[in-house]
Amino acid sequence: METICTSVDFHTAGEPFRIVPEPPVDIPGTSVAERRQLAMPGSPVDDLRRLLCFEPRGHADMYGGFITAPDDDGADFGVLFWHKDGFSTACGHGTMALGAWAVSSGMVPVDPSETTEVTIDVPSGRVRAQVHTDAQGRAASVDFVNVPSRLITAGITVDTSRGSVSVDLAWGGAIYALVDTALLGGTPLGGSGADSGGADGYRGAVLPENLTELIGLGREVKAGLVDHPDTVHPEDARLSGVYGTIFVDRLGTLPGGELHQRNVTIFADGQVDRSPCGSGTAARVAALHATGELGAGQTLVHESIVGTRFRARVLEETADGVVPVVTGSANRVATSTFEIDPLDDLVPGFVLR
């Protein structure tokens, strides 16, 4: 039996994140962005990704990260994010999990103020996890402070099997296509428009019973934007392309004045984020700020398809957008040692979607 590596697994608001503190393969590159670029199919690091993500060791919606050296001594460490289809430019829920892991493992000592800052280099830039600890030093919540985010463009028309869909593009460390479910044409998705639930009696379309249809439509929207010029990153071509489609139910305003919305992010090739999506929430904050829907000092309560929530707000304004901060919690669920049986003919594994 060959031992491959050990992982520490977390979930952030229901979304898995498998941390590999000591990857057993060489990960070439002088920066995290370059390491992602060099992690090509057939490379040892990509083979390790497939082994840990594919069934039977993982599943189609598994997510994780390989710890690497930071780009320079201004960060605590770097991370190469991965999922079933490759390596991503950003991952907010993963950043929250990494912050909780760094503090709980002792990699970053707990600050006596009970807010410990963990600085992480990711392919889209340098991000921060501000870990709020309780009296026992445990991570009670984590603030994900993202790279500057912005609305790219609004009102793009994409042709789908449901007819024309209006899409906004926003940047939150990755490019997201934002779709308002209330504006979807054709037959309503499942319970869309039903008069039960929600702040204003609107039940919405982002519901578990509609997930299969949402996955299909999310793939169509992403495919329809492949050649759109606004999906090209203006400064770094490696960050170009739509990463995911975010379907949004607008649920009104909560009694405390918070804007309440529910979303599901369909990313990569049909992968489903169980959390409200950290980098997607950052992109959503940027879009809502740009249109004035998210007021000064107002919080967005962003709910996932399984009912978990992030709270997000604008930390500061930039020349063309904002720096968002997204708050959630991450919990440890397992420590696993992965092995390969020499008689096992299902290596690296398979994916069912």
Protein backbone atom coordinates (compact mmCIF):
# COMPACT_ATOMS: atom_id res chain seq x y z
CA MET A 1 0.00 0.00 0.00
CA GLU A 2 1.45 3.37 -1.02
CA THR A 3 0.70 6.38 1.19
CA ILE A 4 0.20 9.49 -0.96
CA CYS A 5 -0.54 12.41 1.36
CA THR A 6 -2.54 13.70 4.29
CA SER A 7 -5.28 16.29 4.03
CA VAL A 8 -7.22 18.40 6.51
CA ASP A 9 -10.81 18.79 5.35
CA PHE A 10 -13.11 21.70 6.18
CA HIS A 11 -16.49 22.87 5.08
CA THR A 12 -17.40 26.54 4.73
CA ALA A 13 -21.16 27.05 4.91
CA GLY A 14 -21.58 23.54 3.53
CA GLU A 15 -19.00 23.71 0.72
CA PRO A 16 -16.04 21.28 1.03
CA PHE A 17 -12.43 22.38 1.07
CA ARG A 18 -9.66 19.78 1.21
CA ILE A 19 -6.34 21.27 2.36
CA VAL A 20 -3.08 19.49 1.50
CA PRO A 21 -0.44 21.15 3.71
CA GLU A 22 2.51 19.23 2.21
CA PRO A 23 1.85 18.22 -1.41
CA PRO A 24 4.05 15.22 -2.27
CA VAL A 25 4.85 16.49 -5.78
CA ASP A 26 6.87 19.33 -7.21
CA ILE A 27 4.76 22.39 -8.07
CA PRO A 28 6.93 24.50 -10.39
CA GLY A 29 6.66 28.28 -10.74
CA THR A 30 7.94 31.42 -9.08
CA SER A 31 4.47 32.73 -8.12
CA VAL A 32 1.08 31.20 -7.39
CA ALA A 33 -0.28 32.57 -10.69
CA GLU A 34 2.59 30.92 -12.57
CA ARG A 35 2.14 27.66 -10.68
CA ARG A 36 -1.50 27.58 -11.80
CA GLN A 37 -0.44 28.22 -15.40
CA LEU A 38 2.09 25.37 -15.29
CA ALA A 39 -0.31 22.87 -13.66
CA MET A 40 -1.14 21.35 -17.03
CA PRO A 41 -2.90 18.03 -17.71
CA GLY A 42 -0.38 15.25 -17.34
CA SER A 43 1.77 17.10 -14.81
CA PRO A 44 2.36 15.51 -11.39
CA VAL A 45 0.36 18.24 -9.62
CA ASP A 46 -2.60 17.73 -11.94
CA ASP A 47 -2.42 13.97 -11.41
CA LEU A 48 -2.57 14.60 -7.65
CA ARG A 49 -5.56 16.92 -8.12
CA ARG A 50 -7.44 14.21 -10.00
CA LEU A 51 -6.58 11.57 -7.42
CA LEU A 52 -7.90 13.65 -4.50
CA CYS A 53 -10.90 15.11 -6.31
CA PHE A 54 -12.24 12.23 -8.38
CA GLU A 55 -14.29 9.37 -6.98
CA PRO A 56 -13.82 7.25 -4.95
CA ARG A 57 -11.65 9.64 -2.88
CA GLY A 58 -13.67 12.72 -3.78
CA HIS A 59 -16.71 13.57 -5.89
CA ALA A 60 -17.85 15.85 -8.70
CA ASP A 61 -18.28 18.84 -6.37
CA MET A 62 -15.10 18.44 -4.33
CA TYR A 63 -12.87 21.48 -3.86
CA GLY A 64 -9.44 21.87 -2.32
CA GLY A 65 -6.06 23.52 -2.27
CA PHE A 66 -2.37 22.70 -2.27
CA ILE A 67 -0.32 24.85 0.12
CA THR A 68 2.68 26.47 -1.57
CA ALA A 69 5.27 29.08 -0.78
CA PRO A 70 3.98 32.68 -0.95
CA ASP A 71 4.99 35.02 -3.75
CA ASP A 72 7.13 36.98 -1.26
CA ASP A 73 7.51 37.43 2.48
CA GLY A 74 4.45 39.70 2.64
CA ALA A 75 2.13 36.67 2.85
CA ASP A 76 1.98 33.71 5.21
CA PHE A 77 1.68 31.15 2.41
CA GLY A 78 0.29 30.58 -1.06
CA VAL A 79 -2.37 28.19 -2.29
CA LEU A 80 -3.18 26.51 -5.57
CA PHE A 81 -6.98 26.07 -5.65
CA TRP A 82 -8.41 23.05 -7.46
CA HIS A 83 -11.70 21.41 -8.42
CA LYS A 84 -12.79 18.58 -10.72
CA ASP A 85 -12.03 20.49 -13.92
CA GLY A 86 -8.69 22.07 -13.04
CA PHE A 87 -7.27 24.98 -11.06
CA SER A 88 -9.17 28.19 -10.29
CA THR A 89 -8.04 31.80 -9.96
CA ALA A 90 -9.91 32.48 -6.71
CA CYS A 91 -11.85 30.79 -3.94
CA GLY A 92 -13.46 32.78 -1.14
CA HIS A 93 -14.88 29.86 0.81
CA GLY A 94 -11.48 28.20 0.57
CA THR A 95 -9.78 31.33 1.88
CA MET A 96 -12.06 31.25 4.94
CA ALA A 97 -11.22 27.58 5.51
CA LEU A 98 -7.51 28.29 5.10
CA GLY A 99 -7.70 31.06 7.67
CA ALA A 100 -9.38 28.78 10.19
CA TRP A 101 -6.86 26.01 9.44
CA ALA A 102 -3.84 28.31 9.73
CA VAL A 103 -4.94 29.48 13.17
CA SER A 104 -6.07 26.08 14.48
CA SER A 105 -2.88 24.38 13.26
CA GLY A 106 -0.64 27.00 14.87
CA MET A 107 0.87 28.06 11.53
CA VAL A 108 -0.28 31.60 12.35
CA PRO A 109 -0.35 32.34 16.12
CA VAL A 110 -3.62 33.54 17.60
CA ASP A 111 -3.60 37.30 18.13
CA PRO A 112 -4.55 38.28 21.72
CA SER A 113 -7.03 40.78 20.27
CA GLU A 114 -9.06 37.73 19.11
CA THR A 115 -8.76 38.83 15.46
CA THR A 116 -5.88 37.10 13.70
CA GLU A 117 -4.96 38.14 10.17
CA VAL A 118 -3.81 35.46 7.74
CA THR A 119 -2.41 36.73 4.44
CA ILE A 120 -2.56 34.37 1.47
CA ASP A 121 -1.28 34.59 -2.10
CA VAL A 122 -3.75 33.19 -4.65
CA PRO A 123 -3.64 33.28 -8.48
CA SER A 124 -5.75 36.47 -8.65
CA GLY A 125 -3.67 38.36 -6.08
CA ARG A 126 -3.18 38.71 -2.35
CA VAL A 127 -6.15 38.14 -0.06
CA ARG A 128 -6.68 38.15 3.69
CA ALA A 129 -8.57 35.97 6.12
CA GLN A 130 -9.36 37.80 9.35
CA VAL A 131 -10.04 35.02 11.83
CA HIS A 132 -12.19 35.90 14.85
CA THR A 133 -11.44 33.55 17.72
CA ASP A 134 -13.29 32.81 20.94
CA ALA A 135 -11.85 32.63 24.44
CA GLN A 136 -10.48 29.14 23.71
CA GLY A 137 -8.70 30.32 20.56
CA ARG A 138 -11.15 28.60 18.21
CA ALA A 139 -12.14 30.17 14.90
CA ALA A 140 -15.70 31.42 15.43
CA SER A 141 -15.96 33.31 12.14
CA VAL A 142 -13.73 34.47 9.30
CA ASP A 143 -13.74 37.65 7.23
CA PHE A 144 -12.58 37.11 3.65
CA VAL A 145 -11.05 40.37 2.40
CA ASN A 146 -10.86 39.99 -1.36
CA VAL A 147 -8.92 41.59 -4.17
CA PRO A 148 -10.52 44.78 -5.59
CA SER A 149 -13.76 43.78 -7.34
CA ARG A 150 -15.90 45.52 -9.93
CA LEU A 151 -18.89 45.36 -12.22
CA ILE A 152 -17.51 44.73 -15.72
CA THR A 153 -20.62 45.25 -17.83
CA ALA A 154 -24.41 44.93 -17.53
CA GLY A 155 -27.20 43.71 -19.74
CA ILE A 156 -25.42 41.28 -22.06
CA THR A 157 -27.88 39.09 -23.96
CA VAL A 158 -27.10 35.38 -24.12
CA ASP A 159 -29.18 32.93 -26.15
CA THR A 160 -30.15 29.75 -24.27
CA SER A 161 -32.68 26.95 -24.54
CA ARG A 162 -34.99 29.15 -22.43
CA GLY A 163 -34.62 32.05 -24.85
CA SER A 164 -32.57 35.21 -24.36
CA VAL A 165 -31.10 35.69 -20.89
CA SER A 166 -29.83 39.05 -19.58
CA VAL A 167 -26.42 38.72 -17.93
CA ASP A 168 -24.20 41.07 -15.94
CA LEU A 169 -20.47 40.35 -15.74
CA ALA A 170 -18.58 41.08 -12.52
CA TRP A 171 -15.07 40.45 -11.23
CA GLY A 172 -14.40 39.09 -7.75
CA GLY A 173 -11.07 37.35 -8.29
CA ALA A 174 -12.75 35.44 -11.12
CA ILE A 175 -15.27 36.56 -13.72
CA TYR A 176 -18.88 35.68 -12.95
CA ALA A 177 -22.03 35.90 -15.04
CA LEU A 178 -24.87 37.20 -12.84
CA VAL A 179 -28.42 36.21 -13.76
CA ASP A 180 -31.56 37.56 -12.06
CA THR A 181 -33.96 34.61 -11.87
CA ALA A 182 -36.99 36.93 -11.96
CA LEU A 183 -35.98 37.95 -15.48
CA LEU A 184 -35.64 34.44 -16.89
CA GLY A 185 -37.92 33.90 -19.86
CA GLY A 186 -39.98 30.86 -20.72
CA THR A 187 -41.75 28.56 -18.29
CA PRO A 188 -40.94 29.42 -14.63
CA LEU A 189 -38.32 27.25 -13.00
CA GLY A 190 -40.10 24.97 -10.58
CA GLY A 191 -41.52 27.17 -7.81
CA SER A 192 -40.38 30.46 -9.36
CA GLY A 193 -42.89 33.16 -8.61
CA ALA A 194 -44.78 31.15 -6.00
CA ASP A 195 -46.40 33.26 -3.30
CA SER A 196 -44.83 31.66 -0.26
CA GLY A 197 -41.61 32.39 1.61
CA GLY A 198 -39.14 35.23 1.18
CA ALA A 199 -39.28 38.73 2.60
CA ASP A 200 -41.84 39.87 0.03
CA GLY A 201 -43.66 36.57 -0.51
CA TYR A 202 -41.42 35.61 -3.43
CA ARG A 203 -40.24 32.03 -3.18
CA GLY A 204 -37.73 32.32 -6.01
CA ALA A 205 -36.10 29.84 -8.34
CA VAL A 206 -32.88 29.04 -6.44
CA LEU A 207 -34.27 25.92 -4.79
CA PRO A 208 -32.88 22.38 -4.51
CA GLU A 209 -35.68 20.95 -6.65
CA ASN A 210 -34.57 23.20 -9.54
CA LEU A 211 -30.88 22.36 -9.31
CA THR A 212 -30.64 20.06 -12.33
CA GLU A 213 -32.20 22.71 -14.56
CA LEU A 214 -30.03 25.44 -13.06
CA ILE A 215 -26.88 23.41 -13.73
CA GLY A 216 -27.86 22.99 -17.37
CA LEU A 217 -28.72 26.65 -17.79
CA GLY A 218 -25.55 27.74 -16.02
CA ARG A 219 -23.49 25.73 -18.48
CA GLU A 220 -25.38 27.30 -21.40
CA VAL A 221 -24.79 30.84 -20.15
CA LYS A 222 -21.08 30.18 -19.65
CA ALA A 223 -20.75 28.59 -23.11
CA GLY A 224 -22.59 31.52 -24.68
CA LEU A 225 -20.00 33.95 -23.32
CA VAL A 226 -16.86 32.11 -24.43
CA ASP A 227 -15.93 34.60 -27.14
CA HIS A 228 -17.34 37.74 -25.54
CA PRO A 229 -14.71 40.50 -25.45
CA ASP A 230 -15.70 41.59 -21.93
CA THR A 231 -14.57 38.22 -20.55
CA VAL A 232 -10.93 39.08 -21.33
CA HIS A 233 -9.10 40.33 -18.26
CA PRO A 234 -7.57 43.72 -19.14
CA GLU A 235 -4.31 43.19 -17.23
CA ASP A 236 -3.62 39.45 -17.07
CA ALA A 237 -4.87 37.09 -19.78
CA ARG A 238 -4.44 34.16 -17.38
CA LEU A 239 -7.44 35.47 -15.45
CA SER A 240 -9.73 35.67 -18.49
CA GLY A 241 -12.93 33.70 -19.10
CA VAL A 242 -16.18 33.21 -17.22
CA TYR A 243 -15.60 30.98 -14.22
CA GLY A 244 -19.21 30.57 -13.13
CA THR A 245 -22.83 31.56 -13.55
CA ILE A 246 -24.58 32.97 -10.47
CA PHE A 247 -28.37 32.73 -10.35
CA VAL A 248 -29.86 35.25 -7.93
CA ASP A 249 -33.22 35.51 -6.17
CA ARG A 250 -33.87 39.01 -4.84
CA LEU A 251 -35.72 38.46 -1.54
CA GLY A 252 -36.12 42.06 -0.39
CA THR A 253 -34.81 43.70 2.77
CA LEU A 254 -34.58 42.14 6.22
CA PRO A 255 -35.96 43.87 9.35
CA GLY A 256 -32.45 45.03 10.24
CA GLY A 257 -32.07 46.79 6.89
CA GLU A 258 -29.83 44.19 5.26
CA LEU A 259 -30.32 43.41 1.60
CA HIS A 260 -31.40 39.75 1.37
CA GLN A 261 -30.61 37.65 -1.68
CA ARG A 262 -30.24 33.94 -2.40
CA ASN A 263 -27.94 32.47 -5.01
CA VAL A 264 -26.45 29.34 -6.45
CA THR A 265 -23.17 29.43 -8.31
CA ILE A 266 -22.65 26.92 -11.12
CA PHE A 267 -18.93 27.01 -11.78
CA ALA A 268 -16.30 25.21 -13.86
CA ASP A 269 -18.22 22.56 -15.84
CA GLY A 270 -21.47 22.16 -13.90
CA GLN A 271 -19.97 22.17 -10.42
CA VAL A 272 -22.32 23.45 -7.68
CA ASP A 273 -21.25 25.66 -4.79
CA ARG A 274 -23.13 24.63 -1.65
CA SER A 275 -22.08 27.82 0.10
CA PRO A 276 -23.15 31.30 -1.04
CA CYS A 277 -19.76 31.39 -2.89
CA GLY A 278 -17.12 33.68 -1.40
CA SER A 279 -15.57 35.20 -4.52
CA GLY A 280 -18.99 35.17 -6.19
CA THR A 281 -20.43 37.11 -3.26
CA ALA A 282 -17.59 39.61 -3.64
CA ALA A 283 -18.48 40.01 -7.32
CA ARG A 284 -22.13 40.43 -6.35
CA VAL A 285 -21.26 43.16 -3.83
CA ALA A 286 -19.32 45.00 -6.53
CA ALA A 287 -22.25 44.80 -8.95
CA LEU A 288 -24.82 45.90 -6.37
CA HIS A 289 -22.62 48.80 -5.27
CA ALA A 290 -22.14 49.94 -8.87
CA THR A 291 -25.90 50.07 -9.51
CA GLY A 292 -26.70 51.66 -6.14
CA GLU A 293 -28.80 48.73 -4.95
CA LEU A 294 -26.42 48.12 -2.03
CA GLY A 295 -26.40 51.36 -0.09
CA ALA A 296 -23.49 52.93 1.77
CA GLY A 297 -22.82 50.95 4.93
CA GLN A 298 -25.48 48.36 4.04
CA THR A 299 -24.86 44.62 4.44
CA LEU A 300 -25.77 41.96 1.90
CA VAL A 301 -27.07 38.77 3.49
CA HIS A 302 -26.25 36.26 0.79
CA GLU A 303 -27.95 32.90 1.18
CA SER A 304 -27.01 29.63 -0.50
CA ILE A 305 -29.23 27.01 -2.10
CA VAL A 306 -28.97 24.97 1.12
CA GLY A 307 -29.85 27.92 3.37
CA THR A 308 -26.41 28.82 4.75
CA ARG A 309 -25.45 32.49 4.75
CA PHE A 310 -22.56 34.89 4.25
CA ARG A 311 -22.70 38.53 5.28
CA ALA A 312 -20.91 40.91 2.94
CA ARG A 313 -20.22 44.61 2.69
CA VAL A 314 -17.96 47.17 1.05
CA LEU A 315 -14.76 47.63 3.02
CA GLU A 316 -13.50 50.46 0.83
CA GLU A 317 -14.10 52.00 -2.56
CA THR A 318 -11.54 51.92 -5.37
CA ALA A 319 -11.21 53.91 -8.59
CA ASP A 320 -13.45 51.48 -10.52
CA GLY A 321 -15.03 49.29 -7.86
CA VAL A 322 -14.73 48.16 -4.27
CA VAL A 323 -12.79 45.99 -1.87
CA PRO A 324 -15.43 43.58 -0.49
CA VAL A 325 -15.33 41.76 2.82
CA VAL A 326 -17.35 38.55 3.15
CA THR A 327 -17.97 36.93 6.54
CA GLY A 328 -18.75 33.28 7.18
CA SER A 329 -17.55 30.31 9.22
CA ALA A 330 -15.44 27.27 8.42
CA ASN A 331 -15.44 24.02 10.36
CA ARG A 332 -13.02 21.12 10.35
CA VAL A 333 -14.59 17.80 9.43
CA ALA A 334 -11.73 15.31 8.90
CA THR A 335 -8.07 14.49 8.70
CA SER A 336 -7.44 11.91 6.00
CA THR A 337 -4.47 9.87 4.84
CA PHE A 338 -4.80 8.85 1.20
CA GLU A 339 -3.37 5.62 -0.13
CA ILE A 340 -3.12 3.72 -3.40
CA ASP A 341 -3.63 -0.02 -3.35
CA PRO A 342 -1.37 -1.54 -6.04
CA LEU A 343 -4.31 -3.78 -7.02
CA ASP A 344 -6.67 -0.84 -7.51
CA ASP A 345 -7.44 -0.29 -11.20
CA LEU A 346 -9.53 2.85 -10.49
CA VAL A 347 -6.63 5.28 -10.21
CA PRO A 348 -6.86 8.25 -10.36
CA GLY A 349 -10.63 7.66 -10.37
CA PHE A 350 -13.71 8.87 -12.19
CA VAL A 351 -16.31 11.64 -12.11
CA LEU A 352 -20.08 11.30 -12.40
CA ARG A 353 -22.20 14.41 -12.97
